[in-house]
Amino acid sequence: MIEYIRGELADLSPALAVVDANGVGYALNISLNTYTAIQGTKGVKLYVHEAIVTGGRDDSYTLYGFATQQERALYRMLITVSGVGANTARMILSSVTPAELCNVIANGDEKMLKSVKGIGLKTAQRIIVDLKDKIMSSGIADEFRVGTKDGGAPAVDTAVRDEVVSALTMLGFSPAPSAKVVSAILAEQPSLPVEQVVKLALKQIK
């Protein structure tokens, strides 16, 4: 089992990080929170969750990377909930910060969870019921009360748009409707950084 990968950040997008560790490039799926944490750095250490799917026509082996052990712990809790798969869990952690997620679950905020693409009322309720006690007893909520890093330097509009559409495509959305939503967001708020545009787009794409 891989616990973490430490190396040079070879490539980075809001949905994927490639880490060069001793000459081997590891592609890790990441959340926007991790993207924000490692943006602008050269040397990184990402905590790994391995997803191995076997028994079907196409076996798969996917790595997910997290800037902190706490975010990885939240991710692992989320995927234990019925109806929450790997991609949905990553989308949740791309829509809210870990600290916000802890507060959402602790306060039973179904409305906030339902705003995430793919999360319906029943799934939102299951997340709250299944994880509320786990999050409170694990101490994760207390650890995340420390401030989180925001922002990132905004790029020119076209660069931001293209990067956001690419990230949304990697998350499973069609490029054309994604581009339409992203363009509308940037038209109203042209100075937003990539991760903020992705968060807004995740709540608006139908």
Protein backbone atom coordinates (compact mmCIF):
# COMPACT_ATOMS: atom_id res chain seq x y z
CA MET A 1 0.00 0.00 0.00
CA ILE A 2 1.27 3.48 -0.87
CA GLU A 3 1.03 5.88 2.08
CA TYR A 4 2.35 8.98 0.33
CA ILE A 5 4.36 10.13 -2.67
CA ARG A 6 7.04 12.78 -2.28
CA GLY A 7 8.74 14.37 -5.24
CA GLU A 8 8.80 17.21 -7.74
CA LEU A 9 5.51 18.55 -9.05
CA ALA A 10 5.86 17.91 -12.80
CA ASP A 11 2.38 18.96 -13.90
CA LEU A 12 -0.72 20.36 -12.21
CA SER A 13 -4.33 21.04 -13.11
CA PRO A 14 -7.30 21.55 -10.78
CA ALA A 15 -8.16 17.85 -11.10
CA LEU A 16 -4.79 16.11 -11.56
CA ALA A 17 -1.26 16.32 -10.20
CA VAL A 18 1.74 14.53 -11.69
CA VAL A 19 4.54 13.97 -9.19
CA ASP A 20 8.00 12.93 -10.37
CA ALA A 21 9.41 10.65 -7.66
CA ASN A 22 12.86 9.29 -8.51
CA GLY A 23 12.20 9.42 -12.22
CA VAL A 24 8.72 7.88 -12.11
CA GLY A 25 5.75 10.14 -12.85
CA TYR A 26 2.73 9.38 -10.69
CA ALA A 27 -0.62 10.78 -11.82
CA LEU A 28 -2.87 11.48 -8.86
CA ASN A 29 -6.47 12.66 -8.97
CA ILE A 30 -6.85 15.62 -6.62
CA SER A 31 -9.50 17.92 -5.18
CA LEU A 32 -9.54 21.68 -5.55
CA ASN A 33 -8.46 21.99 -1.94
CA THR A 34 -5.29 20.04 -2.63
CA TYR A 35 -4.78 21.99 -5.85
CA THR A 36 -4.89 25.24 -3.88
CA ALA A 37 -2.50 23.89 -1.24
CA ILE A 38 0.22 22.80 -3.68
CA GLN A 39 -0.22 25.45 -6.38
CA GLY A 40 3.02 27.32 -7.00
CA THR A 41 5.23 24.76 -5.22
CA LYS A 42 7.95 22.52 -6.65
CA GLY A 43 8.46 19.84 -4.04
CA VAL A 44 5.27 18.17 -2.81
CA LYS A 45 4.15 15.37 -0.54
CA LEU A 46 0.74 13.92 -1.31
CA TYR A 47 -1.01 11.37 0.88
CA VAL A 48 -2.38 8.59 -1.28
CA HIS A 49 -5.61 6.65 -1.49
CA GLU A 50 -5.46 3.71 -3.89
CA ALA A 51 -8.61 2.67 -5.73
CA ILE A 52 -8.39 -0.77 -7.31
CA VAL A 53 -11.32 -2.09 -9.32
CA THR A 54 -11.18 -5.71 -10.47
CA GLY A 55 -13.54 -8.36 -11.73
CA GLY A 56 -15.01 -6.38 -14.59
CA ARG A 57 -14.13 -6.22 -18.25
CA ASP A 58 -11.61 -3.44 -17.58
CA ASP A 59 -9.65 -3.54 -14.33
CA SER A 60 -8.42 -0.18 -13.09
CA TYR A 61 -5.89 1.20 -10.65
CA THR A 62 -6.31 4.85 -9.71
CA LEU A 63 -4.38 7.04 -7.28
CA TYR A 64 -5.96 9.91 -5.37
CA GLY A 65 -3.68 12.47 -3.75
CA PHE A 66 -4.33 14.74 -0.79
CA ALA A 67 -2.30 17.57 0.68
CA THR A 68 -3.16 16.51 4.24
CA GLN A 69 -3.94 13.29 6.05
CA GLN A 70 -7.11 14.90 7.36
CA GLU A 71 -8.53 15.54 3.90
CA ARG A 72 -7.72 11.96 2.93
CA ALA A 73 -9.50 10.74 6.05
CA LEU A 74 -12.59 12.75 5.07
CA TYR A 75 -12.45 11.32 1.56
CA ARG A 76 -12.25 7.79 2.91
CA MET A 77 -15.22 8.46 5.17
CA LEU A 78 -17.26 9.82 2.28
CA ILE A 79 -16.75 6.79 0.05
CA THR A 80 -18.07 4.50 2.80
CA VAL A 81 -21.49 6.15 2.43
CA SER A 82 -23.93 4.32 0.15
CA GLY A 83 -24.36 6.29 -3.06
CA VAL A 84 -21.07 8.19 -2.76
CA GLY A 85 -18.44 6.96 -5.17
CA ALA A 86 -14.86 8.05 -5.67
CA ASN A 87 -15.66 10.81 -8.13
CA THR A 88 -18.58 12.13 -6.08
CA ALA A 89 -16.43 12.27 -2.96
CA ARG A 90 -13.78 14.23 -4.84
CA MET A 91 -16.45 16.56 -6.19
CA ILE A 92 -17.68 17.25 -2.65
CA LEU A 93 -14.14 18.09 -1.56
CA SER A 94 -13.81 20.35 -4.59
CA SER A 95 -17.02 22.21 -3.78
CA VAL A 96 -16.28 22.97 -0.12
CA THR A 97 -13.18 23.09 2.03
CA PRO A 98 -12.61 20.27 4.54
CA ALA A 99 -13.43 22.70 7.34
CA GLU A 100 -16.69 23.68 5.65
CA LEU A 101 -17.57 20.03 5.05
CA CYS A 102 -17.08 19.23 8.73
CA ASN A 103 -19.37 22.13 9.66
CA VAL A 104 -21.95 21.12 7.04
CA ILE A 105 -22.13 17.57 8.39
CA ALA A 106 -21.99 18.60 12.05
CA ASN A 107 -24.84 21.09 11.52
CA GLY A 108 -26.91 18.75 9.35
CA ASP A 109 -26.89 21.16 6.41
CA GLU A 110 -28.64 19.05 3.76
CA LYS A 111 -29.12 22.06 1.49
CA MET A 112 -25.39 22.67 1.16
CA LEU A 113 -24.67 19.04 0.33
CA LYS A 114 -27.50 18.96 -2.22
CA SER A 115 -25.86 21.85 -4.08
CA VAL A 116 -23.04 19.49 -5.09
CA LYS A 117 -23.57 17.88 -8.51
CA GLY A 118 -24.84 14.30 -8.14
CA ILE A 119 -25.95 14.61 -4.52
CA GLY A 120 -29.69 14.23 -3.94
CA LEU A 121 -31.64 14.64 -0.74
CA LYS A 122 -31.38 10.99 0.32
CA THR A 123 -27.64 10.86 -0.27
CA ALA A 124 -27.15 14.15 1.59
CA GLN A 125 -29.11 12.76 4.54
CA ARG A 126 -27.09 9.52 4.50
CA ILE A 127 -23.81 11.46 4.54
CA ILE A 128 -24.94 13.43 7.57
CA VAL A 129 -26.36 10.42 9.45
CA ASP A 130 -23.43 8.11 8.67
CA LEU A 131 -20.58 10.56 9.23
CA LYS A 132 -21.67 13.06 11.89
CA ASP A 133 -20.58 10.96 14.85
CA LYS A 134 -17.46 9.69 13.05
CA ILE A 135 -16.25 13.20 12.26
CA MET A 136 -16.90 14.48 15.77
CA SER A 137 -15.24 11.50 17.47
CA SER A 138 -12.24 11.38 15.13
CA GLY A 139 -11.10 14.91 16.00
CA ILE A 140 -10.91 15.90 12.33
CA ALA A 141 -13.34 18.78 12.85
CA ASP A 142 -11.09 20.28 15.52
CA GLU A 143 -7.99 19.98 13.32
CA PHE A 144 -9.72 21.76 10.44
CA ARG A 145 -10.70 24.78 12.50
CA VAL A 146 -7.32 26.19 11.61
CA GLY A 147 -7.57 28.67 8.70
CA THR A 148 -7.34 27.35 5.17
CA LYS A 149 -5.39 28.75 2.25
CA ASP A 150 -7.41 30.60 -0.33
CA GLY A 151 -7.06 31.92 -3.79
CA GLY A 152 -4.14 31.75 -6.13
CA ALA A 153 -2.98 34.16 -8.77
CA PRO A 154 -5.65 34.74 -11.40
CA ALA A 155 -4.68 34.01 -14.98
CA VAL A 156 -5.99 35.74 -18.09
CA ASP A 157 -9.60 34.95 -18.86
CA THR A 158 -8.96 32.50 -21.69
CA ALA A 159 -6.37 30.57 -19.69
CA VAL A 160 -8.70 30.29 -16.71
CA ARG A 161 -11.60 29.24 -18.92
CA ASP A 162 -9.62 26.56 -20.70
CA GLU A 163 -8.17 25.14 -17.49
CA VAL A 164 -11.56 25.06 -15.77
CA VAL A 165 -13.25 23.36 -18.74
CA SER A 166 -10.42 20.81 -18.83
CA ALA A 167 -10.86 20.09 -15.12
CA LEU A 168 -14.63 19.72 -15.48
CA THR A 169 -14.15 17.37 -18.43
CA MET A 170 -11.85 15.22 -16.29
CA LEU A 171 -14.57 15.16 -13.63
CA GLY A 172 -16.99 13.71 -16.19
CA PHE A 173 -18.85 16.73 -17.55
CA SER A 174 -19.32 17.45 -21.26
CA PRO A 175 -17.04 20.21 -22.59
CA ALA A 176 -19.71 22.26 -24.42
CA PRO A 177 -22.11 22.91 -21.51
CA SER A 178 -19.15 23.30 -19.17
CA ALA A 179 -17.65 26.02 -21.40
CA LYS A 180 -20.99 27.84 -21.49
CA VAL A 181 -21.30 27.91 -17.69
CA VAL A 182 -17.65 28.85 -17.17
CA SER A 183 -17.84 31.70 -19.69
CA ALA A 184 -20.91 33.09 -17.93
CA ILE A 185 -19.15 32.97 -14.56
CA LEU A 186 -16.04 34.71 -15.88
CA ALA A 187 -18.15 37.34 -17.62
CA GLU A 188 -19.53 38.36 -14.23
CA GLN A 189 -16.37 37.80 -12.16
CA PRO A 190 -13.36 37.91 -14.49
CA SER A 191 -10.76 38.06 -11.73
CA LEU A 192 -11.72 34.77 -10.06
CA PRO A 193 -8.93 32.16 -9.79
CA VAL A 194 -9.33 28.74 -11.36
CA GLU A 195 -10.37 26.82 -8.25
CA GLN A 196 -13.13 29.30 -7.41
CA VAL A 197 -14.53 29.15 -10.95
CA VAL A 198 -14.58 25.33 -10.77
CA LYS A 199 -16.46 25.46 -7.46
CA LEU A 200 -19.08 27.79 -8.90
CA ALA A 201 -19.38 25.76 -12.09
CA LEU A 202 -19.93 22.53 -10.16
CA LYS A 203 -23.01 24.10 -8.59
CA GLN A 204 -24.42 25.41 -11.88
CA ILE A 205 -23.87 22.68 -14.48
CA LYS A 206 -27.07 20.79 -15.16
